[in-house]
Amino acid sequence: MSWPSWGQDDTPPVPSLFDVVASSINIMQVRITRSRMAGDPPDLVIAPRLADLGLMDFHKGEQTIEEGRLAVERSVEALAALF
């Protein structure tokens, strides 16, 4: 069995305070969104593929907007069915 190697002393890296806070905020946002959607479900959800986007990735604005545009294009048939 092979164990992952994290460093010379084989201890996992300790996340920074910022990493912990950012992860906590992401978890909170997901839970709030799920709760709101369960209470008042939308007719259609368009979800861009942004799993690699972090809390402070403001410099990825163009990439994010482009992915949003692509997500809408993928949803055109479902949108047309609503109208």
C-alpha atoms as a PDB file:
ATOM      1  CA  MET A   1       0.000   0.000   0.000  1.00  0.00           C
ATOM      2  CA  SER A   2       1.329   3.422  -0.957  1.00  0.00           C
ATOM      3  CA  TRP A   3       0.760   6.430   1.294  1.00  0.00           C
ATOM      4  CA  PRO A   4       0.807   9.998  -0.025  1.00  0.00           C
ATOM      5  CA  SER A   5       3.958  11.932   0.683  1.00  0.00           C
ATOM      6  CA  TRP A   6       3.369  15.494   1.891  1.00  0.00           C
ATOM      7  CA  GLY A   7       6.834  16.526   2.839  1.00  0.00           C
ATOM      8  CA  GLN A   8      10.032  15.453   4.466  1.00  0.00           C
ATOM      9  CA  ASP A   9       8.402  14.654   7.795  1.00  0.00           C
ATOM     10  CA  ASP A  10       5.274  13.082   6.199  1.00  0.00           C
ATOM     11  CA  THR A  11       2.836  15.471   7.886  1.00  0.00           C
ATOM     12  CA  PRO A  12      -0.061  16.913   5.899  1.00  0.00           C
ATOM     13  CA  PRO A  13       0.168  20.608   5.069  1.00  0.00           C
ATOM     14  CA  VAL A  14      -1.694  22.876   7.478  1.00  0.00           C
ATOM     15  CA  PRO A  15      -4.289  25.069   5.724  1.00  0.00           C
ATOM     16  CA  SER A  16      -3.924  28.788   6.224  1.00  0.00           C
ATOM     17  CA  LEU A  17      -6.495  30.781   8.159  1.00  0.00           C
ATOM     18  CA  PHE A  18      -7.639  32.301   4.855  1.00  0.00           C
ATOM     19  CA  ASP A  19      -8.150  28.816   3.330  1.00  0.00           C
ATOM     20  CA  VAL A  20     -10.306  27.778   6.284  1.00  0.00           C
ATOM     21  CA  VAL A  21     -12.405  30.968   6.172  1.00  0.00           C
ATOM     22  CA  ALA A  22     -12.833  30.737   2.367  1.00  0.00           C
ATOM     23  CA  SER A  23     -13.935  27.100   2.618  1.00  0.00           C
ATOM     24  CA  SER A  24     -16.369  27.974   5.403  1.00  0.00           C
ATOM     25  CA  ILE A  25     -17.901  30.771   3.337  1.00  0.00           C
ATOM     26  CA  ASN A  26     -18.260  28.454   0.330  1.00  0.00           C
ATOM     27  CA  ILE A  27     -20.010  25.811   2.448  1.00  0.00           C
ATOM     28  CA  MET A  28     -22.322  28.450   3.928  1.00  0.00           C
ATOM     29  CA  GLN A  29     -23.223  29.806   0.473  1.00  0.00           C
ATOM     30  CA  VAL A  30     -24.043  26.326  -0.841  1.00  0.00           C
ATOM     31  CA  ARG A  31     -26.279  25.559   2.141  1.00  0.00           C
ATOM     32  CA  ILE A  32     -28.135  28.873   1.904  1.00  0.00           C
ATOM     33  CA  THR A  33     -28.667  28.393  -1.836  1.00  0.00           C
ATOM     34  CA  ARG A  34     -29.980  24.838  -1.377  1.00  0.00           C
ATOM     35  CA  SER A  35     -32.342  25.971   1.372  1.00  0.00           C
ATOM     36  CA  ARG A  36     -33.752  28.825  -0.703  1.00  0.00           C
ATOM     37  CA  MET A  37     -34.142  26.649  -3.783  1.00  0.00           C
ATOM     38  CA  ALA A  38     -35.963  23.968  -1.788  1.00  0.00           C
ATOM     39  CA  GLY A  39     -38.419  26.546  -0.425  1.00  0.00           C
ATOM     40  CA  ASP A  40     -39.084  28.229  -3.755  1.00  0.00           C
ATOM     41  CA  PRO A  41     -37.767  26.034  -6.576  1.00  0.00           C
ATOM     42  CA  PRO A  42     -36.886  27.763  -9.847  1.00  0.00           C
ATOM     43  CA  ASP A  43     -38.323  26.739 -13.199  1.00  0.00           C
ATOM     44  CA  LEU A  44     -34.823  26.333 -14.615  1.00  0.00           C
ATOM     45  CA  VAL A  45     -31.321  26.391 -13.167  1.00  0.00           C
ATOM     46  CA  ILE A  46     -28.392  27.448 -15.320  1.00  0.00           C
ATOM     47  CA  ALA A  47     -25.210  26.351 -13.598  1.00  0.00           C
ATOM     48  CA  PRO A  48     -21.910  27.405 -15.180  1.00  0.00           C
ATOM     49  CA  ARG A  49     -19.012  25.018 -14.602  1.00  0.00           C
ATOM     50  CA  LEU A  50     -16.978  27.017 -12.100  1.00  0.00           C
ATOM     51  CA  ALA A  51     -15.641  24.368  -9.725  1.00  0.00           C
ATOM     52  CA  ASP A  52     -12.090  25.667 -10.168  1.00  0.00           C
ATOM     53  CA  LEU A  53     -13.061  29.226  -9.222  1.00  0.00           C
ATOM     54  CA  GLY A  54     -11.940  30.386  -5.792  1.00  0.00           C
ATOM     55  CA  LEU A  55     -13.269  33.077  -3.494  1.00  0.00           C
ATOM     56  CA  MET A  56     -10.611  35.622  -4.499  1.00  0.00           C
ATOM     57  CA  ASP A  57     -10.258  34.770  -8.212  1.00  0.00           C
ATOM     58  CA  PHE A  58     -11.380  38.188  -9.416  1.00  0.00           C
ATOM     59  CA  HIS A  59      -8.705  38.076 -12.108  1.00  0.00           C
ATOM     60  CA  LYS A  60     -10.649  35.238 -13.783  1.00  0.00           C
ATOM     61  CA  GLY A  61     -13.570  37.513 -14.659  1.00  0.00           C
ATOM     62  CA  GLU A  62     -13.366  37.079 -18.431  1.00  0.00           C
ATOM     63  CA  GLN A  63     -13.110  33.296 -18.105  1.00  0.00           C
ATOM     64  CA  THR A  64     -16.070  33.258 -15.719  1.00  0.00           C
ATOM     65  CA  ILE A  65     -18.253  35.398 -17.970  1.00  0.00           C
ATOM     66  CA  GLU A  66     -17.413  33.185 -20.938  1.00  0.00           C
ATOM     67  CA  GLU A  67     -18.390  30.070 -18.987  1.00  0.00           C
ATOM     68  CA  GLY A  68     -21.681  31.757 -18.074  1.00  0.00           C
ATOM     69  CA  ARG A  69     -22.332  32.469 -21.741  1.00  0.00           C
ATOM     70  CA  LEU A  70     -21.585  28.848 -22.630  1.00  0.00           C
ATOM     71  CA  ALA A  71     -23.909  27.642 -19.867  1.00  0.00           C
ATOM     72  CA  VAL A  72     -26.741  29.725 -21.339  1.00  0.00           C
ATOM     73  CA  GLU A  73     -26.020  28.335 -24.797  1.00  0.00           C
ATOM     74  CA  ARG A  74     -26.237  24.804 -23.393  1.00  0.00           C
ATOM     75  CA  SER A  75     -29.619  25.709 -21.867  1.00  0.00           C
ATOM     76  CA  VAL A  76     -31.216  27.385 -24.898  1.00  0.00           C
ATOM     77  CA  GLU A  77     -33.638  24.503 -25.593  1.00  0.00           C
ATOM     78  CA  ALA A  78     -34.790  24.368 -21.976  1.00  0.00           C
ATOM     79  CA  LEU A  79     -35.204  28.157 -21.943  1.00  0.00           C
ATOM     80  CA  ALA A  80     -37.215  28.075 -25.178  1.00  0.00           C
ATOM     81  CA  ALA A  81     -39.511  25.437 -23.687  1.00  0.00           C
ATOM     82  CA  LEU A  82     -40.397  27.804 -20.823  1.00  0.00           C
ATOM     83  CA  PHE A  83     -41.571  30.540 -23.177  1.00  0.00           C
END
